[in-house]
PDB file of N, CA and C in Angstrom:
ATOM      1  N   GLN A   1     -11.304 -58.327  58.621  1.00  0.00           N
ATOM      2  CA  GLN A   1     -11.462 -57.227  57.709  1.00  0.00           C
ATOM      3  C   GLN A   1     -11.109 -57.646  56.318  1.00  0.00           C
ATOM      4  N   PHE A   2     -12.074 -57.460  55.375  1.00  0.00           N
ATOM      5  CA  PHE A   2     -11.806 -57.799  54.005  1.00  0.00           C
ATOM      6  C   PHE A   2     -11.026 -56.660  53.305  1.00  0.00           C
ATOM      7  N   ASN A   3     -10.237 -57.027  52.346  1.00  0.00           N
ATOM      8  CA  ASN A   3      -9.524 -56.002  51.598  1.00  0.00           C
ATOM      9  C   ASN A   3      -9.979 -56.007  50.153  1.00  0.00           C
ATOM     10  N   THR A   4      -9.425 -55.118  49.356  1.00  0.00           N
ATOM     11  CA  THR A   4      -9.828 -54.966  47.943  1.00  0.00           C
ATOM     12  C   THR A   4      -9.754 -56.273  47.190  1.00  0.00           C
ATOM     13  N   VAL A   5      -8.665 -57.010  47.334  1.00  0.00           N
ATOM     14  CA  VAL A   5      -8.462 -58.291  46.612  1.00  0.00           C
ATOM     15  C   VAL A   5      -9.570 -59.276  47.018  1.00  0.00           C
ATOM     16  N   THR A   6      -9.808 -59.367  48.273  1.00  0.00           N
ATOM     17  CA  THR A   6     -10.864 -60.310  48.751  1.00  0.00           C
ATOM     18  C   THR A   6     -12.226 -59.958  48.188  1.00  0.00           C
ATOM     19  N   PHE A   7     -12.586 -58.669  48.295  1.00  0.00           N
ATOM     20  CA  PHE A   7     -13.905 -58.243  47.752  1.00  0.00           C
ATOM     21  C   PHE A   7     -13.939 -58.490  46.237  1.00  0.00           C
ATOM     22  N   ASN A   8     -12.909 -58.116  45.528  1.00  0.00           N
ATOM     23  CA  ASN A   8     -12.908 -58.315  44.059  1.00  0.00           C
ATOM     24  C   ASN A   8     -13.085 -59.810  43.672  1.00  0.00           C
ATOM     25  N   ALA A   9     -12.416 -60.683  44.432  1.00  0.00           N
ATOM     26  CA  ALA A   9     -12.555 -62.101  44.117  1.00  0.00           C
ATOM     27  C   ALA A   9     -14.005 -62.524  44.349  1.00  0.00           C
ATOM     28  N   ALA A  10     -14.639 -62.095  45.366  1.00  0.00           N
ATOM     29  CA  ALA A  10     -16.019 -62.437  45.703  1.00  0.00           C
ATOM     30  C   ALA A  10     -16.974 -61.847  44.634  1.00  0.00           C
ATOM     31  N   ILE A  11     -16.741 -60.631  44.272  1.00  0.00           N
ATOM     32  CA  ILE A  11     -17.630 -60.023  43.248  1.00  0.00           C
ATOM     33  C   ILE A  11     -17.446 -60.680  41.923  1.00  0.00           C
ATOM     34  N   SER A  12     -16.219 -61.043  41.558  1.00  0.00           N
ATOM     35  CA  SER A  12     -15.935 -61.778  40.321  1.00  0.00           C
ATOM     36  C   SER A  12     -16.630 -63.141  40.332  1.00  0.00           C
ATOM     37  N   ALA A  13     -16.605 -63.814  41.468  1.00  0.00           N
ATOM     38  CA  ALA A  13     -17.259 -65.091  41.548  1.00  0.00           C
ATOM     39  C   ALA A  13     -18.779 -64.953  41.347  1.00  0.00           C
ATOM     40  N   CYS A  14     -19.325 -63.923  41.918  1.00  0.00           N
ATOM     41  CA  CYS A  14     -20.790 -63.652  41.691  1.00  0.00           C
ATOM     42  C   CYS A  14     -21.070 -63.356  40.237  1.00  0.00           C
ATOM     43  N   GLU A  15     -20.203 -62.586  39.667  1.00  0.00           N
ATOM     44  CA  GLU A  15     -20.389 -62.194  38.203  1.00  0.00           C
ATOM     45  C   GLU A  15     -20.383 -63.472  37.356  1.00  0.00           C
ATOM     46  N   ARG A  16     -19.423 -64.413  37.615  1.00  0.00           N
ATOM     47  CA  ARG A  16     -19.297 -65.569  36.762  1.00  0.00           C
ATOM     48  C   ARG A  16     -20.559 -66.499  36.947  1.00  0.00           C
ATOM     49  N   SER A  17     -21.189 -66.413  38.115  1.00  0.00           N
ATOM     50  CA  SER A  17     -22.301 -67.292  38.385  1.00  0.00           C
ATOM     51  C   SER A  17     -23.662 -66.566  38.256  1.00  0.00           C
ATOM     52  N   THR A  18     -23.628 -65.391  37.633  1.00  0.00           N
ATOM     53  CA  THR A  18     -24.812 -64.543  37.364  1.00  0.00           C
ATOM     54  C   THR A  18     -25.598 -64.207  38.655  1.00  0.00           C
ATOM     55  N   LYS A  19     -24.898 -63.985  39.711  1.00  0.00           N
ATOM     56  CA  LYS A  19     -25.508 -63.583  40.982  1.00  0.00           C
ATOM     57  C   LYS A  19     -25.330 -62.052  41.081  1.00  0.00           C
ATOM     58  N   TRP A  20     -26.014 -61.306  40.252  1.00  0.00           N
ATOM     59  CA  TRP A  20     -25.787 -59.851  40.145  1.00  0.00           C
ATOM     60  C   TRP A  20     -26.175 -59.140  41.451  1.00  0.00           C
ATOM     61  N   GLN A  21     -27.269 -59.577  42.096  1.00  0.00           N
ATOM     62  CA  GLN A  21     -27.691 -58.905  43.329  1.00  0.00           C
ATOM     63  C   GLN A  21     -26.617 -59.057  44.446  1.00  0.00           C
ATOM     64  N   GLU A  22     -26.070 -60.271  44.511  1.00  0.00           N
ATOM     65  CA  GLU A  22     -25.048 -60.535  45.521  1.00  0.00           C
ATOM     66  C   GLU A  22     -23.757 -59.686  45.181  1.00  0.00           C
ATOM     67  N   ALA A  23     -23.448 -59.580  43.878  1.00  0.00           N
ATOM     68  CA  ALA A  23     -22.308 -58.789  43.477  1.00  0.00           C
ATOM     69  C   ALA A  23     -22.480 -57.321  43.903  1.00  0.00           C
ATOM     70  N   LEU A  24     -23.704 -56.798  43.712  1.00  0.00           N
ATOM     71  CA  LEU A  24     -23.969 -55.425  44.058  1.00  0.00           C
ATOM     72  C   LEU A  24     -23.970 -55.206  45.572  1.00  0.00           C
ATOM     73  N   GLN A  25     -24.411 -56.242  46.291  1.00  0.00           N
ATOM     74  CA  GLN A  25     -24.372 -56.179  47.741  1.00  0.00           C
ATOM     75  C   GLN A  25     -22.931 -56.094  48.240  1.00  0.00           C
ATOM     76  N   LEU A  26     -22.065 -56.931  47.626  1.00  0.00           N
ATOM     77  CA  LEU A  26     -20.654 -56.934  47.978  1.00  0.00           C
ATOM     78  C   LEU A  26     -20.010 -55.569  47.619  1.00  0.00           C
ATOM     79  N   PHE A  27     -20.433 -54.998  46.488  1.00  0.00           N
ATOM     80  CA  PHE A  27     -19.950 -53.671  46.088  1.00  0.00           C
ATOM     81  C   PHE A  27     -20.328 -52.620  47.142  1.00  0.00           C
ATOM     82  N   SER A  28     -21.573 -52.702  47.609  1.00  0.00           N
ATOM     83  CA  SER A  28     -22.034 -51.812  48.654  1.00  0.00           C
ATOM     84  C   SER A  28     -21.256 -52.015  49.967  1.00  0.00           C
ATOM     85  N   ASP A  29     -21.070 -53.285  50.320  1.00  0.00           N
ATOM     86  CA  ASP A  29     -20.320 -53.609  51.528  1.00  0.00           C
ATOM     87  C   ASP A  29     -18.894 -53.085  51.434  1.00  0.00           C
ATOM     88  N   MET A  30     -18.327 -53.201  50.238  1.00  0.00           N
ATOM     89  CA  MET A  30     -17.004 -52.764  49.993  1.00  0.00           C
ATOM     90  C   MET A  30     -16.882 -51.212  50.206  1.00  0.00           C
ATOM     91  N   MET A  31     -17.853 -50.498  49.681  1.00  0.00           N
ATOM     92  CA  MET A  31     -17.885 -49.068  49.847  1.00  0.00           C
ATOM     93  C   MET A  31     -17.950 -48.699  51.370  1.00  0.00           C
ATOM     94  N   GLN A  32     -18.808 -49.403  52.063  1.00  0.00           N
ATOM     95  CA  GLN A  32     -19.026 -49.140  53.510  1.00  0.00           C
ATOM     96  C   GLN A  32     -17.736 -49.471  54.299  1.00  0.00           C
ATOM     97  N   SER A  33     -17.004 -50.445  53.892  1.00  0.00           N
ATOM     98  CA  SER A  33     -15.800 -50.833  54.631  1.00  0.00           C
ATOM     99  C   SER A  33     -14.639 -49.916  54.273  1.00  0.00           C
ATOM    100  N   ARG A  34     -14.828 -49.047  53.280  1.00  0.00           N
ATOM    101  CA  ARG A  34     -13.812 -48.053  52.844  1.00  0.00           C
ATOM    102  C   ARG A  34     -12.609 -48.768  52.198  1.00  0.00           C
ATOM    103  N   ALA A  35     -12.845 -50.024  51.695  1.00  0.00           N
ATOM    104  CA  ALA A  35     -11.825 -50.652  50.856  1.00  0.00           C
ATOM    105  C   ALA A  35     -11.739 -49.869  49.565  1.00  0.00           C
ATOM    106  N   GLN A  36     -10.586 -49.960  48.928  1.00  0.00           N
ATOM    107  CA  GLN A  36     -10.366 -49.225  47.677  1.00  0.00           C
ATOM    108  C   GLN A  36     -11.065 -49.887  46.524  1.00  0.00           C
ATOM    109  N   LEU A  37     -12.007 -49.152  45.907  1.00  0.00           N
ATOM    110  CA  LEU A  37     -12.714 -49.654  44.697  1.00  0.00           C
ATOM    111  C   LEU A  37     -11.788 -49.391  43.454  1.00  0.00           C
ATOM    112  N   ASP A  38     -11.502 -50.388  42.724  1.00  0.00           N
ATOM    113  CA  ASP A  38     -10.597 -50.225  41.587  1.00  0.00           C
ATOM    114  C   ASP A  38     -11.279 -50.644  40.300  1.00  0.00           C
ATOM    115  N   ILE A  39     -10.500 -50.701  39.222  1.00  0.00           N
ATOM    116  CA  ILE A  39     -11.087 -51.081  37.924  1.00  0.00           C
ATOM    117  C   ILE A  39     -11.640 -52.483  37.924  1.00  0.00           C
ATOM    118  N   ILE A  40     -11.011 -53.383  38.643  1.00  0.00           N
ATOM    119  CA  ILE A  40     -11.517 -54.749  38.771  1.00  0.00           C
ATOM    120  C   ILE A  40     -12.847 -54.792  39.471  1.00  0.00           C
ATOM    121  N   THR A  41     -13.018 -54.027  40.512  1.00  0.00           N
ATOM    122  CA  THR A  41     -14.260 -53.944  41.267  1.00  0.00           C
ATOM    123  C   THR A  41     -15.377 -53.514  40.320  1.00  0.00           C
ATOM    124  N   TYR A  42     -15.156 -52.419  39.652  1.00  0.00           N
ATOM    125  CA  TYR A  42     -16.158 -51.913  38.762  1.00  0.00           C
ATOM    126  C   TYR A  42     -16.434 -52.782  37.571  1.00  0.00           C
ATOM    127  N   ASN A  43     -15.425 -53.291  36.895  1.00  0.00           N
ATOM    128  CA  ASN A  43     -15.635 -54.125  35.737  1.00  0.00           C
ATOM    129  C   ASN A  43     -16.436 -55.376  36.126  1.00  0.00           C
ATOM    130  N   ALA A  44     -16.100 -56.022  37.217  1.00  0.00           N
ATOM    131  CA  ALA A  44     -16.827 -57.230  37.615  1.00  0.00           C
ATOM    132  C   ALA A  44     -18.284 -56.905  37.966  1.00  0.00           C
ATOM    133  N   SER A  45     -18.486 -55.794  38.631  1.00  0.00           N
ATOM    134  CA  SER A  45     -19.817 -55.399  39.049  1.00  0.00           C
ATOM    135  C   SER A  45     -20.706 -55.034  37.809  1.00  0.00           C
ATOM    136  N   ILE A  46     -20.099 -54.250  36.929  1.00  0.00           N
ATOM    137  CA  ILE A  46     -20.817 -53.868  35.670  1.00  0.00           C
ATOM    138  C   ILE A  46     -21.106 -55.134  34.866  1.00  0.00           C
ATOM    139  N   SER A  47     -20.150 -56.028  34.702  1.00  0.00           N
ATOM    140  CA  SER A  47     -20.360 -57.268  33.975  1.00  0.00           C
ATOM    141  C   SER A  47     -21.419 -58.156  34.598  1.00  0.00           C
ATOM    142  N   SER A  48     -21.515 -58.150  35.956  1.00  0.00           N
ATOM    143  CA  SER A  48     -22.559 -58.968  36.579  1.00  0.00           C
ATOM    144  C   SER A  48     -23.937 -58.435  36.187  1.00  0.00           C
ATOM    145  N   CYS A  49     -24.092 -57.137  36.043  1.00  0.00           N
ATOM    146  CA  CYS A  49     -25.361 -56.569  35.627  1.00  0.00           C
ATOM    147  C   CYS A  49     -25.576 -56.814  34.158  1.00  0.00           C
ATOM    148  N   GLU A  50     -24.506 -56.701  33.379  1.00  0.00           N
ATOM    149  CA  GLU A  50     -24.652 -56.904  31.917  1.00  0.00           C
ATOM    150  C   GLU A  50     -25.155 -58.327  31.585  1.00  0.00           C
ATOM    151  N   LYS A  51     -24.655 -59.317  32.353  1.00  0.00           N
ATOM    152  CA  LYS A  51     -25.000 -60.694  32.024  1.00  0.00           C
ATOM    153  C   LYS A  51     -26.486 -61.023  32.198  1.00  0.00           C
ATOM    154  N   VAL A  52     -27.168 -60.173  33.023  1.00  0.00           N
ATOM    155  CA  VAL A  52     -28.618 -60.441  33.237  1.00  0.00           C
ATOM    156  C   VAL A  52     -29.458 -59.294  32.692  1.00  0.00           C
ATOM    157  N   GLY A  53     -28.804 -58.417  31.890  1.00  0.00           N
ATOM    158  CA  GLY A  53     -29.557 -57.323  31.219  1.00  0.00           C
ATOM    159  C   GLY A  53     -29.993 -56.194  32.120  1.00  0.00           C
ATOM    160  N   LYS A  54     -29.336 -56.009  33.225  1.00  0.00           N
ATOM    161  CA  LYS A  54     -29.685 -54.917  34.187  1.00  0.00           C
ATOM    162  C   LYS A  54     -28.904 -53.667  33.746  1.00  0.00           C
ATOM    163  N   TRP A  55     -29.322 -53.113  32.590  1.00  0.00           N
ATOM    164  CA  TRP A  55     -28.559 -51.980  32.006  1.00  0.00           C
ATOM    165  C   TRP A  55     -28.561 -50.713  32.860  1.00  0.00           C
ATOM    166  N   GLU A  56     -29.690 -50.482  33.566  1.00  0.00           N
ATOM    167  CA  GLU A  56     -29.746 -49.249  34.420  1.00  0.00           C
ATOM    168  C   GLU A  56     -28.747 -49.352  35.533  1.00  0.00           C
ATOM    169  N   LYS A  57     -28.654 -50.526  36.157  1.00  0.00           N
ATOM    170  CA  LYS A  57     -27.650 -50.719  37.250  1.00  0.00           C
ATOM    171  C   LYS A  57     -26.258 -50.594  36.681  1.00  0.00           C
ATOM    172  N   ALA A  58     -26.003 -51.182  35.529  1.00  0.00           N
ATOM    173  CA  ALA A  58     -24.687 -51.130  34.894  1.00  0.00           C
ATOM    174  C   ALA A  58     -24.310 -49.680  34.638  1.00  0.00           C
ATOM    175  N   LEU A  59     -25.221 -48.874  34.158  1.00  0.00           N
ATOM    176  CA  LEU A  59     -24.926 -47.482  33.893  1.00  0.00           C
ATOM    177  C   LEU A  59     -24.737 -46.670  35.183  1.00  0.00           C
ATOM    178  N   GLN A  60     -25.442 -47.007  36.209  1.00  0.00           N
ATOM    179  CA  GLN A  60     -25.218 -46.345  37.496  1.00  0.00           C
ATOM    180  C   GLN A  60     -23.783 -46.596  37.979  1.00  0.00           C
ATOM    181  N   LEU A  61     -23.344 -47.860  37.832  1.00  0.00           N
ATOM    182  CA  LEU A  61     -21.970 -48.189  38.217  1.00  0.00           C
ATOM    183  C   LEU A  61     -20.950 -47.477  37.337  1.00  0.00           C
ATOM    184  N   PHE A  62     -21.277 -47.453  36.067  1.00  0.00           N
ATOM    185  CA  PHE A  62     -20.375 -46.787  35.109  1.00  0.00           C
ATOM    186  C   PHE A  62     -20.238 -45.265  35.452  1.00  0.00           C
ATOM    187  N   GLY A  63     -21.351 -44.643  35.767  1.00  0.00           N
ATOM    188  CA  GLY A  63     -21.339 -43.285  36.156  1.00  0.00           C
ATOM    189  C   GLY A  63     -20.536 -43.027  37.418  1.00  0.00           C
ATOM    190  N   ARG A  64     -20.725 -43.908  38.375  1.00  0.00           N
ATOM    191  CA  ARG A  64     -19.995 -43.781  39.643  1.00  0.00           C
ATOM    192  C   ARG A  64     -18.463 -43.980  39.420  1.00  0.00           C
ATOM    193  N   MET A  65     -18.184 -44.899  38.484  1.00  0.00           N
ATOM    194  CA  MET A  65     -16.772 -45.142  38.179  1.00  0.00           C
ATOM    195  C   MET A  65     -16.130 -43.826  37.641  1.00  0.00           C
ATOM    196  N   LEU A  66     -16.868 -43.135  36.753  1.00  0.00           N
ATOM    197  CA  LEU A  66     -16.368 -41.867  36.235  1.00  0.00           C
ATOM    198  C   LEU A  66     -16.222 -40.853  37.332  1.00  0.00           C
ATOM    199  N   LEU A  67     -17.192 -40.772  38.243  1.00  0.00           N
ATOM    200  CA  LEU A  67     -17.103 -39.804  39.346  1.00  0.00           C
ATOM    201  C   LEU A  67     -15.929 -40.126  40.262  1.00  0.00           C
ATOM    202  N   ASP A  68     -15.696 -41.383  40.466  1.00  0.00           N
ATOM    203  CA  ASP A  68     -14.595 -41.796  41.321  1.00  0.00           C
ATOM    204  C   ASP A  68     -13.220 -41.723  40.649  1.00  0.00           C
ATOM    205  N   ARG A  69     -13.232 -41.299  39.373  1.00  0.00           N
ATOM    206  CA  ARG A  69     -12.029 -41.116  38.551  1.00  0.00           C
ATOM    207  C   ARG A  69     -11.198 -42.402  38.435  1.00  0.00           C
ATOM    208  N   VAL A  70     -11.937 -43.522  38.367  1.00  0.00           N
ATOM    209  CA  VAL A  70     -11.285 -44.793  38.077  1.00  0.00           C
ATOM    210  C   VAL A  70     -11.171 -44.914  36.609  1.00  0.00           C
ATOM    211  N   GLU A  71      -9.952 -45.304  36.089  1.00  0.00           N
ATOM    212  CA  GLU A  71      -9.758 -45.336  34.664  1.00  0.00           C
ATOM    213  C   GLU A  71     -10.640 -46.364  34.007  1.00  0.00           C
ATOM    214  N   VAL A  72     -11.383 -45.908  32.963  1.00  0.00           N
ATOM    215  CA  VAL A  72     -12.311 -46.717  32.210  1.00  0.00           C
ATOM    216  C   VAL A  72     -11.615 -47.321  31.023  1.00  0.00           C
ATOM    217  N   LYS A  73     -11.666 -48.627  30.894  1.00  0.00           N
ATOM    218  CA  LYS A  73     -10.965 -49.301  29.763  1.00  0.00           C
ATOM    219  C   LYS A  73     -12.020 -49.784  28.782  1.00  0.00           C
ATOM    220  N   THR A  74     -11.551 -50.324  27.657  1.00  0.00           N
ATOM    221  CA  THR A  74     -12.430 -50.820  26.609  1.00  0.00           C
ATOM    222  C   THR A  74     -13.353 -51.946  27.148  1.00  0.00           C
ATOM    223  N   VAL A  75     -12.823 -52.784  28.012  1.00  0.00           N
ATOM    224  CA  VAL A  75     -13.634 -53.867  28.596  1.00  0.00           C
ATOM    225  C   VAL A  75     -14.871 -53.287  29.379  1.00  0.00           C
ATOM    226  N   THR A  76     -14.651 -52.161  30.029  1.00  0.00           N
ATOM    227  CA  THR A  76     -15.677 -51.505  30.813  1.00  0.00           C
ATOM    228  C   THR A  76     -16.777 -50.995  29.809  1.00  0.00           C
ATOM    229  N   TYR A  77     -16.346 -50.305  28.798  1.00  0.00           N
ATOM    230  CA  TYR A  77     -17.300 -49.782  27.787  1.00  0.00           C
ATOM    231  C   TYR A  77     -18.059 -50.963  27.174  1.00  0.00           C
ATOM    232  N   ASN A  78     -17.349 -52.059  26.839  1.00  0.00           N
ATOM    233  CA  ASN A  78     -17.994 -53.166  26.194  1.00  0.00           C
ATOM    234  C   ASN A  78     -19.084 -53.760  27.106  1.00  0.00           C
ATOM    235  N   ALA A  79     -18.818 -53.879  28.373  1.00  0.00           N
ATOM    236  CA  ALA A  79     -19.812 -54.442  29.255  1.00  0.00           C
ATOM    237  C   ALA A  79     -21.041 -53.530  29.406  1.00  0.00           C
ATOM    238  N   ALA A  80     -20.766 -52.231  29.507  1.00  0.00           N
ATOM    239  CA  ALA A  80     -21.878 -51.258  29.602  1.00  0.00           C
ATOM    240  C   ALA A  80     -22.675 -51.210  28.330  1.00  0.00           C
ATOM    241  N   ILE A  81     -21.987 -51.251  27.185  1.00  0.00           N
ATOM    242  CA  ILE A  81     -22.698 -51.257  25.866  1.00  0.00           C
ATOM    243  C   ILE A  81     -23.530 -52.524  25.715  1.00  0.00           C
ATOM    244  N   SER A  82     -22.957 -53.665  26.102  1.00  0.00           N
ATOM    245  CA  SER A  82     -23.678 -54.924  26.002  1.00  0.00           C
ATOM    246  C   SER A  82     -24.891 -54.914  26.913  1.00  0.00           C
ATOM    247  N   ALA A  83     -24.783 -54.369  28.087  1.00  0.00           N
ATOM    248  CA  ALA A  83     -25.922 -54.274  28.993  1.00  0.00           C
ATOM    249  C   ALA A  83     -27.047 -53.445  28.359  1.00  0.00           C
ATOM    250  N   CYS A  84     -26.689 -52.344  27.704  1.00  0.00           N
ATOM    251  CA  CYS A  84     -27.704 -51.509  27.029  1.00  0.00           C
ATOM    252  C   CYS A  84     -28.310 -52.286  25.869  1.00  0.00           C
ATOM    253  N   GLU A  85     -27.502 -53.001  25.138  1.00  0.00           N
ATOM    254  CA  GLU A  85     -28.031 -53.798  24.005  1.00  0.00           C
ATOM    255  C   GLU A  85     -29.054 -54.787  24.467  1.00  0.00           C
ATOM    256  N   LYS A  86     -28.743 -55.480  25.570  1.00  0.00           N
ATOM    257  CA  LYS A  86     -29.644 -56.454  26.106  1.00  0.00           C
ATOM    258  C   LYS A  86     -30.942 -55.843  26.600  1.00  0.00           C
ATOM    259  N   GLY A  87     -30.883 -54.590  27.034  1.00  0.00           N
ATOM    260  CA  GLY A  87     -32.075 -53.889  27.512  1.00  0.00           C
ATOM    261  C   GLY A  87     -32.762 -53.093  26.380  1.00  0.00           C
ATOM    262  N   GLY A  88     -32.320 -53.210  25.149  1.00  0.00           N
ATOM    263  CA  GLY A  88     -32.945 -52.553  24.046  1.00  0.00           C
ATOM    264  C   GLY A  88     -32.628 -51.029  24.033  1.00  0.00           C
ATOM    265  N   GLU A  89     -31.618 -50.654  24.711  1.00  0.00           N
ATOM    266  CA  GLU A  89     -31.269 -49.185  24.839  1.00  0.00           C
ATOM    267  C   GLU A  89     -30.186 -48.867  23.817  1.00  0.00           C
ATOM    268  N   TRP A  90     -30.601 -48.887  22.542  1.00  0.00           N
ATOM    269  CA  TRP A  90     -29.644 -48.686  21.454  1.00  0.00           C
ATOM    270  C   TRP A  90     -29.057 -47.285  21.425  1.00  0.00           C
ATOM    271  N   LYS A  91     -29.877 -46.297  21.766  1.00  0.00           N
ATOM    272  CA  LYS A  91     -29.335 -44.901  21.741  1.00  0.00           C
ATOM    273  C   LYS A  91     -28.284 -44.731  22.809  1.00  0.00           C
ATOM    274  N   THR A  92     -28.519 -45.248  23.954  1.00  0.00           N
ATOM    275  CA  THR A  92     -27.541 -45.165  25.077  1.00  0.00           C
ATOM    276  C   THR A  92     -26.293 -45.935  24.686  1.00  0.00           C
ATOM    277  N   ALA A  93     -26.440 -47.100  24.125  1.00  0.00           N
ATOM    278  CA  ALA A  93     -25.333 -47.911  23.658  1.00  0.00           C
ATOM    279  C   ALA A  93     -24.471 -47.117  22.646  1.00  0.00           C
ATOM    280  N   SER A  94     -25.179 -46.461  21.711  1.00  0.00           N
ATOM    281  CA  SER A  94     -24.464 -45.658  20.750  1.00  0.00           C
ATOM    282  C   SER A  94     -23.679 -44.503  21.350  1.00  0.00           C
ATOM    283  N   GLN A  95     -24.283 -43.888  22.349  1.00  0.00           N
ATOM    284  CA  GLN A  95     -23.623 -42.766  23.048  1.00  0.00           C
ATOM    285  C   GLN A  95     -22.334 -43.252  23.794  1.00  0.00           C
ATOM    286  N   LEU A  96     -22.455 -44.440  24.429  1.00  0.00           N
ATOM    287  CA  LEU A  96     -21.308 -45.009  25.075  1.00  0.00           C
ATOM    288  C   LEU A  96     -20.186 -45.341  24.079  1.00  0.00           C
ATOM    289  N   PHE A  97     -20.629 -45.860  22.918  1.00  0.00           N
ATOM    290  CA  PHE A  97     -19.641 -46.165  21.879  1.00  0.00           C
ATOM    291  C   PHE A  97     -18.910 -44.859  21.434  1.00  0.00           C
ATOM    292  N   GLY A  98     -19.664 -43.785  21.261  1.00  0.00           N
ATOM    293  CA  GLY A  98     -19.074 -42.479  20.919  1.00  0.00           C
ATOM    294  C   GLY A  98     -18.067 -42.033  21.956  1.00  0.00           C
ATOM    295  N   MET A  99     -18.431 -42.195  23.257  1.00  0.00           N
ATOM    296  CA  MET A  99     -17.546 -41.831  24.374  1.00  0.00           C
ATOM    297  C   MET A  99     -16.238 -42.671  24.284  1.00  0.00           C
ATOM    298  N   MET A 100     -16.438 -43.971  24.032  1.00  0.00           N
ATOM    299  CA  MET A 100     -15.247 -44.845  23.955  1.00  0.00           C
ATOM    300  C   MET A 100     -14.370 -44.442  22.790  1.00  0.00           C
ATOM    301  N   ALA A 101     -14.948 -44.141  21.634  1.00  0.00           N
ATOM    302  CA  ALA A 101     -14.169 -43.744  20.448  1.00  0.00           C
ATOM    303  C   ALA A 101     -13.388 -42.462  20.750  1.00  0.00           C
ATOM    304  N   THR A 102     -13.995 -41.583  21.500  1.00  0.00           N
ATOM    305  CA  THR A 102     -13.326 -40.306  21.821  1.00  0.00           C
ATOM    306  C   THR A 102     -12.189 -40.551  22.757  1.00  0.00           C
ATOM    307  N   GLN A 103     -12.370 -41.439  23.704  1.00  0.00           N
ATOM    308  CA  GLN A 103     -11.298 -41.766  24.675  1.00  0.00           C
ATOM    309  C   GLN A 103     -10.104 -42.435  23.967  1.00  0.00           C
ATOM    310  N   ILE A 104     -10.423 -43.320  23.111  1.00  0.00           N
ATOM    311  CA  ILE A 104      -9.341 -44.084  22.431  1.00  0.00           C
ATOM    312  C   ILE A 104      -8.513 -43.170  21.533  1.00  0.00           C
ATOM    313  N   LEU A 105      -9.183 -42.212  20.886  1.00  0.00           N
ATOM    314  CA  LEU A 105      -8.482 -41.296  19.986  1.00  0.00           C
ATOM    315  C   LEU A 105      -7.834 -40.256  20.848  1.00  0.00           C
TER     316      LEU A 105
END
């Protein structure tokens, strides 16, 4: 049985090697195993999508993170904003920046 730390390490390894599909499969496996998804899980998964410009997937994860009430940090916003930038989604990136500015203040 894998735990949160094991899953996070595997997702982070996928993120570093731009294996976004594998990272998302591990994310899905993690949910099915009922392991605790935490900020590391989400940040690594969002970053894996960001690195290859999969902005829609990154935003899906970001939205789920909010629904799961996992604390969103600046690094999370940065990865989501960067994913939008790579996908030419400037309006969405601007909205995320506004959300981040509101959270910080």
